Amino acid sequence: MTAAPLTDWSHLQTRLQGVSLYLIGMMGAGKSTVGRALAPQLGYQFFDTDTLIETAAGLTIPEIFAEQGEAGFREWETQVLAQLCPHSRLVVATGGGIVERSQNWSYLHHGLTLWLDVSAATLHQRLQAQRLQAQRLQSDATPRPLLETSDPLKTLTHLLDRRRTLYAQADVRISEAEKPLDILLPAIAEALQHSLRTTPLQDLAQPPSPPMQTDASIQTDES
């Protein structure tokens, strides 16, 4: 059997011309895990919007939901995304609901969006496994305020059904994104190469003027 060719990351990096990548998809889809692995392959920096929100707000995600509600969290999310938007050479893992605000798309469209498409059943299994692992290690699992319900699988299914058409607006869809990273990363590279052949980078939107600044600035290599 002939081995699969190695991914030419340097060629992809050249073709991207520094355009940032935004990972979208449901909670538990693996956006942060994939982003951390993808960024160094491209010589990019990695950012997680949830981490930046907690830094900017000085509160944890559950505390923001408790004190400001989901609407307050979504406002922080938009502000952080607006600060990331003008920068290049970033891989950004976004929150699962970031696609539900039309304003956010004006920022996401400054880069290329990649949808990590994972079924609700797989998401549920992953999130359960993460919680059990955290219990065994006596550590805190990643907070999921929207899943604090009596039937998390039903909630996941409802959220995915509501957001599916929004996720489908992504430039690149990565199906079966539950695959191991050594298989998934080359698949992402191939999908990006295909997208760059069909969607010229000059068609990307220019960054809109950001809204009011948060208390935390985004520190990138360009800063």
Protein backbone atom coordinates (compact mmCIF):
# COMPACT_ATOMS: atom_id res chain seq x y z
CA MET A 1 0.00 0.00 0.00
CA THR A 2 1.35 3.42 -0.95
CA ALA A 3 1.62 5.85 1.95
CA ALA A 4 -0.42 9.02 1.73
CA PRO A 5 1.65 12.07 0.69
CA LEU A 6 2.75 14.39 3.45
CA THR A 7 0.81 17.63 3.76
CA ASP A 8 2.66 20.58 2.22
CA TRP A 9 1.95 23.07 4.97
CA SER A 10 4.42 25.64 3.64
CA HIS A 11 2.58 25.75 0.31
CA LEU A 12 -0.77 26.18 2.08
CA GLN A 13 0.72 28.90 4.29
CA THR A 14 1.87 30.79 1.19
CA ARG A 15 -1.52 30.44 -0.49
CA LEU A 16 -3.36 31.71 2.60
CA GLN A 17 -1.39 34.98 2.48
CA GLY A 18 -1.83 35.46 6.22
CA VAL A 19 -5.63 35.27 6.13
CA SER A 20 -6.95 34.17 9.52
CA LEU A 21 -8.97 31.01 10.08
CA TYR A 22 -12.07 30.88 12.29
CA LEU A 23 -13.22 27.50 13.57
CA ILE A 24 -16.97 27.26 14.12
CA GLY A 25 -19.17 24.43 15.31
CA MET A 26 -20.91 23.06 18.35
CA MET A 27 -19.48 22.79 21.85
CA GLY A 28 -17.48 19.59 22.02
CA ALA A 29 -16.67 19.63 18.29
CA GLY A 30 -12.97 19.96 19.09
CA LYS A 31 -12.41 23.53 17.91
CA SER A 32 -9.83 24.35 20.59
CA THR A 33 -7.99 21.03 20.21
CA VAL A 34 -7.88 21.34 16.43
CA GLY A 35 -6.96 25.03 16.57
CA ARG A 36 -4.00 24.45 18.87
CA ALA A 37 -2.69 21.74 16.53
CA LEU A 38 -3.42 23.62 13.30
CA ALA A 39 -1.90 27.00 14.18
CA PRO A 40 1.77 25.93 14.45
CA GLN A 41 1.53 24.01 11.19
CA LEU A 42 0.77 27.32 9.46
CA GLY A 43 3.02 29.53 11.58
CA TYR A 44 -0.13 31.17 12.98
CA GLN A 45 -1.11 32.18 16.52
CA PHE A 46 -3.99 30.44 18.28
CA PHE A 47 -6.73 32.18 20.24
CA ASP A 48 -9.84 30.83 21.98
CA THR A 49 -12.66 33.37 22.24
CA ASP A 50 -13.97 31.89 25.51
CA THR A 51 -10.56 32.33 27.15
CA LEU A 52 -10.32 35.91 25.90
CA ILE A 53 -13.83 36.65 27.17
CA GLU A 54 -12.95 35.42 30.65
CA THR A 55 -9.83 37.60 30.65
CA ALA A 56 -11.70 40.66 29.42
CA ALA A 57 -14.66 40.24 31.78
CA GLY A 58 -12.65 39.13 34.80
CA LEU A 59 -15.27 36.42 35.25
CA THR A 60 -15.60 32.76 34.34
CA ILE A 61 -18.10 31.79 31.64
CA PRO A 62 -20.60 30.40 34.23
CA GLU A 63 -20.27 33.63 36.24
CA ILE A 64 -21.00 35.71 33.14
CA PHE A 65 -24.10 33.63 32.40
CA ALA A 66 -25.22 33.89 36.04
CA GLU A 67 -24.68 37.66 36.33
CA GLN A 68 -25.35 38.90 32.80
CA GLY A 69 -27.30 36.09 31.15
CA GLU A 70 -26.65 34.63 27.72
CA ALA A 71 -27.25 38.05 26.12
CA GLY A 72 -24.41 39.52 28.17
CA PHE A 73 -22.11 36.66 27.20
CA ARG A 74 -22.96 37.13 23.51
CA GLU A 75 -22.09 40.83 23.75
CA TRP A 76 -18.65 39.98 25.18
CA GLU A 77 -18.25 37.44 22.38
CA THR A 78 -18.94 40.05 19.70
CA GLN A 79 -16.54 42.55 21.27
CA VAL A 80 -13.71 40.01 21.46
CA LEU A 81 -14.31 38.89 17.87
CA ALA A 82 -14.20 42.52 16.74
CA GLN A 83 -10.78 42.93 18.35
CA LEU A 84 -9.43 39.79 16.69
CA CYS A 85 -10.81 40.67 13.25
CA PRO A 86 -8.18 43.22 12.11
CA HIS A 87 -5.28 40.85 12.79
CA SER A 88 -3.81 38.35 10.37
CA ARG A 89 -2.20 34.90 10.78
CA LEU A 90 -4.58 33.74 13.50
CA VAL A 91 -6.42 30.48 14.11
CA VAL A 92 -9.43 31.29 16.29
CA ALA A 93 -11.63 28.77 18.10
CA THR A 94 -15.04 30.40 18.54
CA GLY A 95 -18.01 29.67 20.77
CA GLY A 96 -20.73 27.39 19.45
CA GLY A 97 -23.34 30.15 19.32
CA ILE A 98 -21.19 32.82 17.69
CA VAL A 99 -22.94 32.18 14.35
CA GLU A 100 -26.33 33.25 15.70
CA ARG A 101 -25.51 36.97 15.61
CA SER A 102 -25.48 38.43 12.12
CA GLN A 103 -23.01 41.10 13.27
CA ASN A 104 -20.49 38.39 14.07
CA TRP A 105 -20.53 37.17 10.48
CA SER A 106 -19.26 40.57 9.33
CA TYR A 107 -16.15 39.85 11.41
CA LEU A 108 -15.89 36.14 10.57
CA HIS A 109 -16.01 36.93 6.85
CA HIS A 110 -12.74 38.84 7.13
CA GLY A 111 -11.11 35.39 7.29
CA LEU A 112 -11.96 31.85 6.26
CA THR A 113 -14.49 29.95 8.36
CA LEU A 114 -14.20 26.22 8.95
CA TRP A 115 -17.16 24.25 10.31
CA LEU A 116 -16.20 21.20 12.34
CA ASP A 117 -19.32 19.12 11.73
CA VAL A 118 -19.93 16.52 14.44
CA SER A 119 -23.20 14.71 15.21
CA ALA A 120 -25.16 15.47 18.37
CA ALA A 121 -24.68 11.90 19.61
CA THR A 122 -20.89 12.15 19.25
CA LEU A 123 -20.88 15.56 20.92
CA HIS A 124 -22.82 14.14 23.85
CA GLN A 125 -20.43 11.20 24.21
CA ARG A 126 -17.41 13.50 24.12
CA LEU A 127 -18.80 15.91 26.68
CA GLN A 128 -19.77 13.07 29.01
CA ALA A 129 -16.27 11.60 28.69
CA GLN A 130 -14.70 14.99 29.44
CA ARG A 131 -16.81 15.35 32.58
CA LEU A 132 -15.94 11.85 33.79
CA GLN A 133 -12.26 12.46 33.10
CA ALA A 134 -12.40 15.71 35.09
CA GLN A 135 -14.04 13.89 38.00
CA ARG A 136 -11.34 11.20 37.99
CA LEU A 137 -8.62 13.86 37.99
CA GLN A 138 -10.53 15.93 40.55
CA SER A 139 -10.37 18.93 38.23
CA ASP A 140 -12.98 21.21 36.71
CA ALA A 141 -14.50 20.25 33.38
CA THR A 142 -14.93 22.93 30.73
CA PRO A 143 -18.06 24.84 31.78
CA ARG A 144 -21.12 24.34 29.54
CA PRO A 145 -23.88 26.60 30.95
CA LEU A 146 -26.29 25.87 28.10
CA LEU A 147 -26.16 22.14 28.92
CA GLU A 148 -27.23 22.51 32.53
CA THR A 149 -30.51 20.79 31.68
CA SER A 150 -32.25 17.54 32.56
CA ASP A 151 -31.58 16.12 29.07
CA PRO A 152 -28.24 17.37 27.64
CA LEU A 153 -28.51 15.21 24.51
CA LYS A 154 -31.93 16.68 23.68
CA THR A 155 -30.51 20.17 24.27
CA LEU A 156 -27.52 19.47 22.02
CA THR A 157 -29.79 18.14 19.28
CA HIS A 158 -32.04 21.21 19.52
CA LEU A 159 -29.08 23.63 19.40
CA LEU A 160 -27.50 21.83 16.45
CA ASP A 161 -30.78 21.79 14.52
CA ARG A 162 -31.21 25.53 15.18
CA ARG A 163 -27.67 26.41 14.11
CA ARG A 164 -27.08 23.95 11.28
CA THR A 165 -28.02 26.31 8.43
CA LEU A 166 -25.80 28.99 9.98
CA TYR A 167 -22.82 26.67 10.31
CA ALA A 168 -23.41 25.68 6.67
CA GLN A 169 -22.49 29.22 5.63
CA ALA A 170 -18.85 28.41 6.44
CA ASP A 171 -16.27 28.56 3.66
CA VAL A 172 -15.15 25.03 4.50
CA ARG A 173 -17.11 22.16 6.02
CA ILE A 174 -15.13 19.40 7.71
CA SER A 175 -17.39 16.35 7.88
CA GLU A 176 -16.77 13.57 10.39
CA ALA A 177 -14.61 15.95 12.41
CA GLU A 178 -14.40 13.38 15.21
CA LYS A 179 -11.46 11.69 13.44
CA PRO A 180 -8.02 11.62 15.14
CA LEU A 181 -5.85 14.70 14.61
CA ASP A 182 -3.34 12.86 12.44
CA ILE A 183 -6.16 12.21 9.96
CA LEU A 184 -8.16 15.37 10.55
CA LEU A 185 -5.38 17.92 10.02
CA PRO A 186 -4.46 16.70 6.51
CA ALA A 187 -8.19 16.63 5.67
CA ILE A 188 -8.47 20.26 6.79
CA ALA A 189 -5.43 21.21 4.70
CA GLU A 190 -6.91 19.53 1.64
CA ALA A 191 -10.27 21.23 2.17
CA LEU A 192 -8.57 24.62 2.53
CA GLN A 193 -6.60 24.07 -0.67
CA HIS A 194 -9.85 23.28 -2.50
CA SER A 195 -11.55 26.36 -1.05
CA LEU A 196 -8.66 28.60 -2.11
CA ARG A 197 -8.97 27.30 -5.67
CA THR A 198 -12.68 28.19 -5.81
CA THR A 199 -12.87 31.32 -3.61
CA PRO A 200 -10.25 34.01 -4.35
CA LEU A 201 -8.92 35.64 -1.19
CA GLN A 202 -9.63 39.09 -2.60
CA ASP A 203 -13.33 38.26 -2.27
CA LEU A 204 -13.04 38.30 1.51
CA ALA A 205 -14.62 41.25 3.30
CA GLN A 206 -12.49 44.01 4.73
CA PRO A 207 -12.63 44.30 8.54
CA PRO A 208 -15.51 46.51 9.69
CA SER A 209 -15.00 49.14 12.35
CA PRO A 210 -14.99 47.36 15.71
CA PRO A 211 -17.52 48.25 18.43
CA MET A 212 -16.50 49.60 21.82
CA GLN A 213 -13.33 48.09 23.19
CA THR A 214 -13.23 45.52 25.95
CA ASP A 215 -10.90 45.96 28.91
CA ALA A 216 -8.50 43.35 27.55
CA SER A 217 -6.48 44.04 24.42
CA ILE A 218 -5.58 41.26 22.01
CA GLN A 219 -1.83 40.70 22.01
CA THR A 220 -0.62 39.22 18.74
CA ASP A 221 2.79 39.02 17.09
CA GLU A 222 1.76 42.13 15.15
CA SER A 223 1.24 44.15 18.35
